[in-house]
Amino acid sequence: SGAGLVIADAGNIGSASDTDAIAIGADGDVTLTQDLELQHDGAILSFGAGDDVSLTHTNDVGITLNSTMKLMFNDASQYIQGASATVLDIAATDEIELTATLIDVVGNAAVSGTLGVTGVTTSNAGIVVDNITIDGTEIDLSSGDLTVDVAGDIILDAAGNDLSFAAG
């Protein structure tokens, strides 16, 4: 009828082969016993009384979480969020662990805390530490003196070439 279809509290909607495919609880919760398929490009799944959070099917690409909403884990302190059009935040209360045989960072990396490296550090373009630059052929002190404290021997091997001290 024009009044709609009303299912009794805790009632089911089904077929001959799956009589309780859709169960409607007395509290209004809907339970599906099989898959839910949204089969049109751009399908939207909305959450909240005001539809403030939504997942949208982005055709042939994936799923988009709307606006600057967060995908949260455990509690609100751990999340992934598109904080703006250019910034992606990955937040955790203690540690973010990336496990892979290679982690490729394309772009500059800024570390505001302590960087601990267990393995070998390789640099193809040199290393700059404060006012010390180390590249493949020299160590350049751009300001001040260098003090080296050594607990053992210092061996300078010029491999048959000259070893010079001071100017000239």
N, C-alpha and C. Protein backbone atom coordinates (compact mmCIF):
# COMPACT_ATOMS: atom_id res chain seq x y z
N SER A 1 0.84 -1.19 0.00
CA SER A 1 0.00 0.00 0.00
C SER A 1 0.87 1.24 0.00
N GLY A 2 0.26 2.38 -0.09
CA GLY A 2 1.00 3.63 -0.10
C GLY A 2 1.56 3.99 1.26
N ALA A 3 1.17 3.29 2.32
CA ALA A 3 1.65 3.58 3.67
C ALA A 3 3.03 3.00 3.92
N GLY A 4 3.55 2.14 3.05
CA GLY A 4 4.86 1.53 3.24
C GLY A 4 4.76 0.14 3.81
N LEU A 5 5.88 -0.47 3.99
CA LEU A 5 5.96 -1.83 4.51
C LEU A 5 6.42 -1.76 5.96
N VAL A 6 5.67 -2.34 6.87
CA VAL A 6 6.02 -2.34 8.28
C VAL A 6 6.32 -3.76 8.72
N ILE A 7 7.49 -3.95 9.31
CA ILE A 7 7.90 -5.26 9.82
C ILE A 7 7.76 -5.22 11.34
N ALA A 8 7.22 -6.24 11.90
CA ALA A 8 7.05 -6.30 13.36
C ALA A 8 8.41 -6.22 14.05
N ASP A 9 8.42 -5.70 15.28
CA ASP A 9 9.66 -5.67 16.06
C ASP A 9 10.29 -7.05 16.08
N ALA A 10 11.60 -7.08 15.90
CA ALA A 10 12.37 -8.32 15.85
C ALA A 10 11.92 -9.22 14.69
N GLY A 11 11.36 -8.60 13.65
CA GLY A 11 10.91 -9.36 12.49
C GLY A 11 12.02 -9.54 11.48
N ASN A 12 11.76 -10.37 10.48
CA ASN A 12 12.74 -10.68 9.44
C ASN A 12 12.18 -10.40 8.06
N ILE A 13 13.08 -10.14 7.14
CA ILE A 13 12.75 -10.08 5.71
C ILE A 13 13.64 -11.11 5.06
N GLY A 14 13.11 -11.93 4.23
CA GLY A 14 13.92 -12.98 3.62
C GLY A 14 13.33 -13.50 2.34
N SER A 15 13.90 -14.61 1.92
CA SER A 15 13.44 -15.30 0.72
C SER A 15 13.24 -16.76 1.09
N ALA A 16 12.82 -17.56 0.13
CA ALA A 16 12.59 -18.98 0.39
C ALA A 16 13.88 -19.66 0.84
N SER A 17 15.02 -19.25 0.31
CA SER A 17 16.28 -19.91 0.65
C SER A 17 16.98 -19.27 1.85
N ASP A 18 16.62 -18.05 2.23
CA ASP A 18 17.24 -17.37 3.38
C ASP A 18 16.16 -16.52 4.05
N THR A 19 15.37 -17.16 4.92
CA THR A 19 14.18 -16.51 5.48
C THR A 19 14.49 -15.36 6.42
N ASP A 20 15.73 -15.28 6.95
CA ASP A 20 16.07 -14.17 7.84
C ASP A 20 17.25 -13.37 7.30
N ALA A 21 17.27 -13.14 5.98
CA ALA A 21 18.37 -12.41 5.33
C ALA A 21 18.54 -11.03 5.94
N ILE A 22 17.44 -10.38 6.28
CA ILE A 22 17.47 -9.07 6.93
C ILE A 22 16.66 -9.19 8.22
N ALA A 23 17.31 -8.98 9.34
CA ALA A 23 16.62 -9.03 10.63
C ALA A 23 16.54 -7.61 11.18
N ILE A 24 15.37 -7.22 11.64
CA ILE A 24 15.17 -5.89 12.20
C ILE A 24 14.87 -6.06 13.69
N GLY A 25 15.80 -5.58 14.52
CA GLY A 25 15.64 -5.71 15.96
C GLY A 25 14.59 -4.76 16.50
N ALA A 26 14.11 -5.02 17.72
CA ALA A 26 13.13 -4.15 18.37
C ALA A 26 13.68 -2.75 18.56
N ASP A 27 15.01 -2.62 18.62
CA ASP A 27 15.65 -1.30 18.78
C ASP A 27 15.90 -0.62 17.44
N GLY A 28 15.53 -1.27 16.33
CA GLY A 28 15.72 -0.69 15.00
C GLY A 28 17.01 -1.11 14.32
N ASP A 29 17.90 -1.83 15.03
CA ASP A 29 19.13 -2.30 14.41
C ASP A 29 18.80 -3.27 13.29
N VAL A 30 19.54 -3.17 12.19
CA VAL A 30 19.35 -4.04 11.04
C VAL A 30 20.55 -4.97 10.94
N THR A 31 20.30 -6.26 10.83
CA THR A 31 21.37 -7.25 10.70
C THR A 31 21.18 -7.99 9.39
N LEU A 32 22.26 -8.09 8.63
CA LEU A 32 22.24 -8.84 7.37
C LEU A 32 22.97 -10.14 7.59
N THR A 33 22.42 -11.23 7.09
CA THR A 33 23.10 -12.52 7.23
C THR A 33 24.04 -12.78 6.06
N GLN A 34 23.99 -11.95 5.04
CA GLN A 34 24.86 -12.08 3.87
C GLN A 34 25.55 -10.75 3.60
N ASP A 35 26.07 -10.57 2.40
CA ASP A 35 26.80 -9.36 2.01
C ASP A 35 25.85 -8.19 1.75
N LEU A 36 26.38 -6.98 1.93
CA LEU A 36 25.69 -5.76 1.53
C LEU A 36 26.47 -5.19 0.35
N GLU A 37 25.82 -5.05 -0.77
CA GLU A 37 26.49 -4.55 -1.97
C GLU A 37 25.86 -3.24 -2.41
N LEU A 38 26.69 -2.20 -2.50
CA LEU A 38 26.25 -0.92 -3.04
C LEU A 38 26.84 -0.85 -4.44
N GLN A 39 26.01 -1.14 -5.44
CA GLN A 39 26.54 -1.39 -6.78
C GLN A 39 26.41 -0.22 -7.74
N HIS A 40 26.59 0.99 -7.26
CA HIS A 40 26.67 2.08 -8.23
C HIS A 40 27.88 2.94 -7.92
N ASP A 41 28.51 3.46 -8.97
CA ASP A 41 29.68 4.31 -8.78
C ASP A 41 29.27 5.56 -8.03
N GLY A 42 30.03 5.90 -7.02
CA GLY A 42 29.71 7.06 -6.20
C GLY A 42 28.77 6.75 -5.04
N ALA A 43 28.57 5.47 -4.73
CA ALA A 43 27.70 5.10 -3.62
C ALA A 43 28.23 5.70 -2.32
N ILE A 44 27.33 6.16 -1.47
CA ILE A 44 27.69 6.80 -0.20
C ILE A 44 27.08 6.03 0.96
N LEU A 45 27.91 5.76 1.96
CA LEU A 45 27.46 5.16 3.19
C LEU A 45 27.65 6.22 4.27
N SER A 46 26.55 6.68 4.86
CA SER A 46 26.60 7.80 5.82
C SER A 46 26.41 7.31 7.24
N PHE A 47 27.03 8.05 8.19
CA PHE A 47 26.95 7.72 9.61
C PHE A 47 26.56 8.96 10.41
N GLY A 48 25.86 8.75 11.51
CA GLY A 48 25.49 9.83 12.41
C GLY A 48 24.12 10.39 12.11
N ALA A 49 23.52 11.01 13.13
CA ALA A 49 22.17 11.57 12.98
C ALA A 49 22.12 12.64 11.89
N GLY A 50 23.20 13.38 11.74
CA GLY A 50 23.24 14.42 10.70
C GLY A 50 24.05 14.03 9.49
N ASP A 51 24.30 12.72 9.31
CA ASP A 51 25.13 12.24 8.19
C ASP A 51 26.47 12.97 8.13
N ASP A 52 27.05 13.26 9.30
CA ASP A 52 28.28 14.06 9.35
C ASP A 52 29.52 13.30 8.90
N VAL A 53 29.49 11.97 8.93
CA VAL A 53 30.61 11.16 8.47
C VAL A 53 30.11 10.27 7.35
N SER A 54 30.88 10.21 6.26
CA SER A 54 30.46 9.35 5.14
C SER A 54 31.66 8.71 4.47
N LEU A 55 31.41 7.54 3.93
CA LEU A 55 32.36 6.85 3.06
C LEU A 55 31.76 6.87 1.67
N THR A 56 32.53 7.32 0.69
CA THR A 56 32.04 7.42 -0.68
C THR A 56 32.87 6.54 -1.58
N HIS A 57 32.21 5.74 -2.41
CA HIS A 57 32.93 4.94 -3.41
C HIS A 57 33.46 5.89 -4.47
N THR A 58 34.78 5.91 -4.61
CA THR A 58 35.42 6.73 -5.64
C THR A 58 35.73 5.78 -6.79
N ASN A 59 35.00 5.91 -7.89
CA ASN A 59 35.01 4.96 -8.99
C ASN A 59 36.42 4.58 -9.42
N ASP A 60 36.68 3.27 -9.45
CA ASP A 60 37.94 2.69 -9.92
C ASP A 60 39.17 3.12 -9.11
N VAL A 61 38.96 3.74 -7.94
CA VAL A 61 40.10 4.21 -7.15
C VAL A 61 40.06 3.65 -5.74
N GLY A 62 38.94 3.76 -5.05
CA GLY A 62 38.85 3.28 -3.68
C GLY A 62 37.68 3.89 -2.94
N ILE A 63 37.88 4.16 -1.66
CA ILE A 63 36.86 4.73 -0.80
C ILE A 63 37.40 6.02 -0.21
N THR A 64 36.58 7.06 -0.18
CA THR A 64 36.99 8.36 0.36
C THR A 64 36.22 8.64 1.64
N LEU A 65 36.94 8.97 2.71
CA LEU A 65 36.35 9.43 3.96
C LEU A 65 36.18 10.94 3.84
N ASN A 66 34.99 11.44 4.16
CA ASN A 66 34.69 12.84 3.88
C ASN A 66 35.47 13.83 4.74
N SER A 67 35.64 15.01 4.18
CA SER A 67 36.19 16.18 4.86
C SER A 67 37.49 15.85 5.58
N THR A 68 37.63 16.29 6.80
CA THR A 68 38.83 16.01 7.59
C THR A 68 38.52 15.02 8.70
N MET A 69 37.57 14.12 8.44
CA MET A 69 37.21 13.10 9.43
C MET A 69 38.38 12.14 9.63
N LYS A 70 38.36 11.43 10.74
CA LYS A 70 39.46 10.54 11.12
C LYS A 70 39.04 9.08 11.05
N LEU A 71 39.98 8.23 10.68
CA LEU A 71 39.82 6.79 10.83
C LEU A 71 40.56 6.45 12.12
N MET A 72 39.81 6.10 13.17
CA MET A 72 40.39 5.95 14.50
C MET A 72 40.54 4.49 14.90
N PHE A 73 41.55 4.23 15.74
CA PHE A 73 41.84 2.90 16.23
C PHE A 73 41.89 2.94 17.75
N ASN A 74 41.40 1.90 18.40
CA ASN A 74 41.40 1.75 19.87
C ASN A 74 40.64 2.86 20.56
N ASP A 75 41.12 4.07 20.49
CA ASP A 75 40.41 5.22 21.04
C ASP A 75 40.74 6.43 20.16
N ALA A 76 40.27 7.57 20.51
CA ALA A 76 40.44 8.75 19.67
C ALA A 76 41.88 9.24 19.57
N SER A 77 42.80 8.68 20.36
CA SER A 77 44.19 9.16 20.33
C SER A 77 45.01 8.54 19.21
N GLN A 78 44.53 7.49 18.58
CA GLN A 78 45.25 6.86 17.47
C GLN A 78 44.38 6.96 16.22
N TYR A 79 44.92 7.62 15.17
CA TYR A 79 44.10 7.84 13.99
C TYR A 79 44.93 8.17 12.76
N ILE A 80 44.27 8.08 11.61
CA ILE A 80 44.77 8.58 10.34
C ILE A 80 43.77 9.63 9.90
N GLN A 81 44.27 10.80 9.52
CA GLN A 81 43.37 11.90 9.17
C GLN A 81 43.97 12.74 8.05
N GLY A 82 43.14 13.06 7.07
CA GLY A 82 43.51 14.06 6.07
C GLY A 82 43.25 15.43 6.70
N ALA A 83 44.24 15.97 7.41
CA ALA A 83 44.05 17.20 8.19
C ALA A 83 43.75 18.41 7.30
N SER A 84 44.23 18.37 6.06
CA SER A 84 43.94 19.42 5.09
C SER A 84 44.11 18.80 3.70
N ALA A 85 44.03 19.63 2.68
CA ALA A 85 44.19 19.12 1.32
C ALA A 85 45.63 18.68 1.04
N THR A 86 46.58 19.08 1.89
CA THR A 86 47.99 18.77 1.64
C THR A 86 48.68 18.02 2.78
N VAL A 87 47.99 17.76 3.89
CA VAL A 87 48.62 17.14 5.05
C VAL A 87 47.85 15.88 5.45
N LEU A 88 48.58 14.77 5.61
CA LEU A 88 48.01 13.53 6.14
C LEU A 88 48.65 13.28 7.49
N ASP A 89 47.85 13.21 8.54
CA ASP A 89 48.33 12.94 9.88
C ASP A 89 48.17 11.46 10.19
N ILE A 90 49.22 10.86 10.74
CA ILE A 90 49.15 9.52 11.31
C ILE A 90 49.56 9.70 12.76
N ALA A 91 48.63 9.51 13.67
CA ALA A 91 48.88 9.84 15.08
C ALA A 91 48.76 8.60 15.95
N ALA A 92 49.64 8.53 16.96
CA ALA A 92 49.59 7.46 17.95
C ALA A 92 50.06 8.03 19.28
N THR A 93 49.66 7.42 20.36
CA THR A 93 50.04 7.90 21.68
C THR A 93 51.49 7.59 22.01
N ASP A 94 52.07 6.55 21.38
CA ASP A 94 53.43 6.15 21.74
C ASP A 94 54.30 5.87 20.53
N GLU A 95 53.88 5.03 19.62
CA GLU A 95 54.76 4.56 18.57
C GLU A 95 53.97 4.25 17.31
N ILE A 96 54.57 4.57 16.16
CA ILE A 96 54.05 4.15 14.86
C ILE A 96 55.11 3.22 14.28
N GLU A 97 54.74 2.00 14.02
CA GLU A 97 55.70 1.01 13.54
C GLU A 97 55.42 0.71 12.08
N LEU A 98 56.42 0.90 11.23
CA LEU A 98 56.34 0.55 9.82
C LEU A 98 57.19 -0.69 9.62
N THR A 99 56.59 -1.79 9.19
CA THR A 99 57.32 -3.03 9.03
C THR A 99 57.37 -3.38 7.55
N ALA A 100 58.56 -3.33 6.97
CA ALA A 100 58.75 -3.66 5.56
C ALA A 100 60.25 -3.85 5.32
N THR A 101 60.60 -4.47 4.20
CA THR A 101 62.01 -4.61 3.87
C THR A 101 62.59 -3.31 3.34
N LEU A 102 61.74 -2.41 2.83
CA LEU A 102 62.19 -1.11 2.35
C LEU A 102 61.08 -0.10 2.59
N ILE A 103 61.43 1.04 3.15
CA ILE A 103 60.49 2.14 3.32
C ILE A 103 61.05 3.29 2.49
N ASP A 104 60.34 3.69 1.47
CA ASP A 104 60.80 4.70 0.52
C ASP A 104 60.13 6.03 0.84
N VAL A 105 60.92 7.01 1.26
CA VAL A 105 60.40 8.34 1.54
C VAL A 105 60.75 9.20 0.34
N VAL A 106 59.74 9.67 -0.38
CA VAL A 106 59.95 10.51 -1.54
C VAL A 106 59.70 11.95 -1.10
N GLY A 107 60.75 12.71 -0.94
CA GLY A 107 60.65 14.07 -0.44
C GLY A 107 61.55 14.23 0.77
N ASN A 108 61.50 15.39 1.36
CA ASN A 108 62.32 15.68 2.53
C ASN A 108 61.69 15.08 3.77
N ALA A 109 62.53 14.73 4.75
CA ALA A 109 62.04 14.22 6.03
C ALA A 109 62.59 15.11 7.13
N ALA A 110 61.72 15.56 8.01
CA ALA A 110 62.13 16.38 9.15
C ALA A 110 61.86 15.58 10.42
N VAL A 111 62.89 15.43 11.26
CA VAL A 111 62.75 14.72 12.52
C VAL A 111 62.94 15.73 13.63
N SER A 112 61.90 15.93 14.45
CA SER A 112 62.00 16.91 15.52
C SER A 112 62.46 16.29 16.83
N GLY A 113 62.49 14.98 16.90
CA GLY A 113 62.96 14.29 18.10
C GLY A 113 64.30 13.63 17.85
N THR A 114 64.57 12.57 18.55
CA THR A 114 65.82 11.84 18.41
C THR A 114 65.67 10.78 17.33
N LEU A 115 66.67 10.68 16.46
CA LEU A 115 66.67 9.67 15.41
C LEU A 115 67.66 8.59 15.80
N GLY A 116 67.18 7.38 15.98
CA GLY A 116 68.06 6.26 16.31
C GLY A 116 68.15 5.32 15.13
N VAL A 117 69.36 5.02 14.69
CA VAL A 117 69.58 4.14 13.55
C VAL A 117 70.37 2.94 14.03
N THR A 118 69.82 1.74 13.87
CA THR A 118 70.51 0.53 14.29
C THR A 118 71.45 0.02 13.22
N GLY A 119 71.06 0.14 11.96
CA GLY A 119 71.87 -0.35 10.85
C GLY A 119 72.78 0.72 10.30
N VAL A 120 73.27 0.50 9.09
CA VAL A 120 74.19 1.41 8.41
C VAL A 120 73.41 2.58 7.83
N THR A 121 73.96 3.77 7.94
CA THR A 121 73.38 4.96 7.32
C THR A 121 74.19 5.29 6.07
N THR A 122 73.53 5.35 4.93
CA THR A 122 74.20 5.62 3.66
C THR A 122 73.67 6.92 3.10
N SER A 123 74.58 7.80 2.69
CA SER A 123 74.19 9.06 2.08
C SER A 123 74.96 9.24 0.79
N ASN A 124 74.24 9.45 -0.31
CA ASN A 124 74.89 9.64 -1.60
C ASN A 124 75.18 11.11 -1.88
N ALA A 125 74.64 12.02 -1.07
CA ALA A 125 74.82 13.45 -1.34
C ALA A 125 75.49 14.17 -0.18
N GLY A 126 76.07 13.45 0.77
CA GLY A 126 76.77 14.08 1.88
C GLY A 126 75.90 14.15 3.12
N ILE A 127 76.56 14.51 4.21
CA ILE A 127 75.90 14.64 5.51
C ILE A 127 76.27 15.99 6.08
N VAL A 128 75.28 16.73 6.58
CA VAL A 128 75.54 18.02 7.22
C VAL A 128 75.08 17.91 8.66
N VAL A 129 76.01 18.14 9.61
CA VAL A 129 75.72 18.13 11.03
C VAL A 129 76.15 19.47 11.57
N ASP A 130 75.18 20.27 12.01
CA ASP A 130 75.46 21.65 12.42
C ASP A 130 76.33 22.32 11.37
N ASN A 131 77.60 22.64 11.70
CA ASN A 131 78.48 23.31 10.74
C ASN A 131 79.54 22.38 10.18
N ILE A 132 79.28 21.08 10.19
CA ILE A 132 80.22 20.10 9.64
C ILE A 132 79.55 19.45 8.44
N THR A 133 80.23 19.45 7.30
CA THR A 133 79.72 18.79 6.11
C THR A 133 80.66 17.65 5.75
N ILE A 134 80.10 16.46 5.56
CA ILE A 134 80.89 15.30 5.17
C ILE A 134 80.35 14.82 3.84
N ASP A 135 81.21 14.79 2.82
CA ASP A 135 80.79 14.18 1.56
C ASP A 135 81.79 13.09 1.22
N GLY A 136 81.77 12.60 0.01
CA GLY A 136 82.61 11.47 -0.36
C GLY A 136 84.10 11.74 -0.36
N THR A 137 84.52 13.01 -0.36
CA THR A 137 85.95 13.30 -0.49
C THR A 137 86.54 14.14 0.63
N GLU A 138 85.72 14.83 1.42
CA GLU A 138 86.29 15.70 2.44
C GLU A 138 85.34 15.94 3.60
N ILE A 139 85.93 16.44 4.70
CA ILE A 139 85.17 16.93 5.84
C ILE A 139 85.42 18.42 5.91
N ASP A 140 84.36 19.21 5.86
CA ASP A 140 84.48 20.67 5.84
C ASP A 140 83.91 21.23 7.14
N LEU A 141 84.74 21.98 7.87
CA LEU A 141 84.29 22.67 9.07
C LEU A 141 84.05 24.11 8.68
N SER A 142 82.80 24.53 8.60
CA SER A 142 82.50 25.87 8.12
C SER A 142 82.67 26.93 9.20
N SER A 143 82.81 26.51 10.45
CA SER A 143 83.08 27.51 11.49
C SER A 143 83.76 26.84 12.67
N GLY A 144 84.73 27.51 13.23
CA GLY A 144 85.35 27.07 14.47
C GLY A 144 86.32 25.92 14.32
N ASP A 145 86.81 25.46 15.45
CA ASP A 145 87.78 24.38 15.52
C ASP A 145 87.07 23.05 15.68
N LEU A 146 87.82 21.99 15.40
CA LEU A 146 87.31 20.64 15.59
C LEU A 146 88.13 19.98 16.69
N THR A 147 87.45 19.46 17.68
CA THR A 147 88.11 18.70 18.74
C THR A 147 87.68 17.25 18.58
N VAL A 148 88.68 16.36 18.51
CA VAL A 148 88.40 14.95 18.36
C VAL A 148 88.98 14.24 19.58
N ASP A 149 88.14 13.59 20.34
CA ASP A 149 88.59 12.79 21.48
C ASP A 149 88.60 11.34 21.03
N VAL A 150 89.78 10.71 21.13
CA VAL A 150 89.93 9.34 20.66
C VAL A 150 90.43 8.48 21.81
N ALA A 151 89.79 7.35 22.04
CA ALA A 151 90.20 6.45 23.10
C ALA A 151 91.30 5.49 22.63
N GLY A 152 91.42 5.27 21.34
CA GLY A 152 92.40 4.32 20.81
C GLY A 152 93.36 5.01 19.85
N ASP A 153 93.89 4.24 18.92
CA ASP A 153 94.85 4.75 17.94
C ASP A 153 94.14 5.53 16.83
N ILE A 154 94.90 6.45 16.24
CA ILE A 154 94.46 7.12 15.02
C ILE A 154 95.42 6.69 13.93
N ILE A 155 94.90 6.11 12.87
CA ILE A 155 95.74 5.65 11.77
C ILE A 155 95.34 6.45 10.53
N LEU A 156 96.30 7.18 9.98
CA LEU A 156 96.08 7.92 8.75
C LEU A 156 96.83 7.19 7.65
N ASP A 157 96.13 6.65 6.69
CA ASP A 157 96.74 5.89 5.61
C ASP A 157 96.48 6.64 4.31
N ALA A 158 97.50 7.29 3.79
CA ALA A 158 97.36 8.04 2.55
C ALA A 158 97.60 7.18 1.32
N ALA A 159 97.77 5.90 1.51
CA ALA A 159 97.92 4.92 0.42
C ALA A 159 98.95 5.37 -0.60
N GLY A 160 100.13 5.79 -0.14
CA GLY A 160 101.21 6.20 -1.03
C GLY A 160 101.08 7.63 -1.51
N ASN A 161 100.07 8.33 -1.10
CA ASN A 161 99.90 9.73 -1.51
C ASN A 161 100.38 10.63 -0.38
N ASP A 162 100.39 11.91 -0.63
CA ASP A 162 100.88 12.88 0.36
C ASP A 162 99.88 13.02 1.49
N LEU A 163 100.39 13.28 2.69
CA LEU A 163 99.60 13.62 3.85
C LEU A 163 100.12 14.96 4.33
N SER A 164 99.26 15.99 4.30
CA SER A 164 99.69 17.36 4.61
C SER A 164 99.01 17.86 5.86
N PHE A 165 99.72 18.70 6.64
CA PHE A 165 99.19 19.37 7.81
C PHE A 165 99.39 20.86 7.64
N ALA A 166 98.39 21.66 8.09
CA ALA A 166 98.43 23.12 8.00
C ALA A 166 98.37 23.57 6.55
N ALA A 167 98.44 24.89 6.35
CA ALA A 167 98.34 25.44 5.00
C ALA A 167 99.54 25.00 4.17
N GLY A 168 99.29 24.46 3.00
CA GLY A 168 100.38 24.05 2.10
C GLY A 168 101.01 22.75 2.51
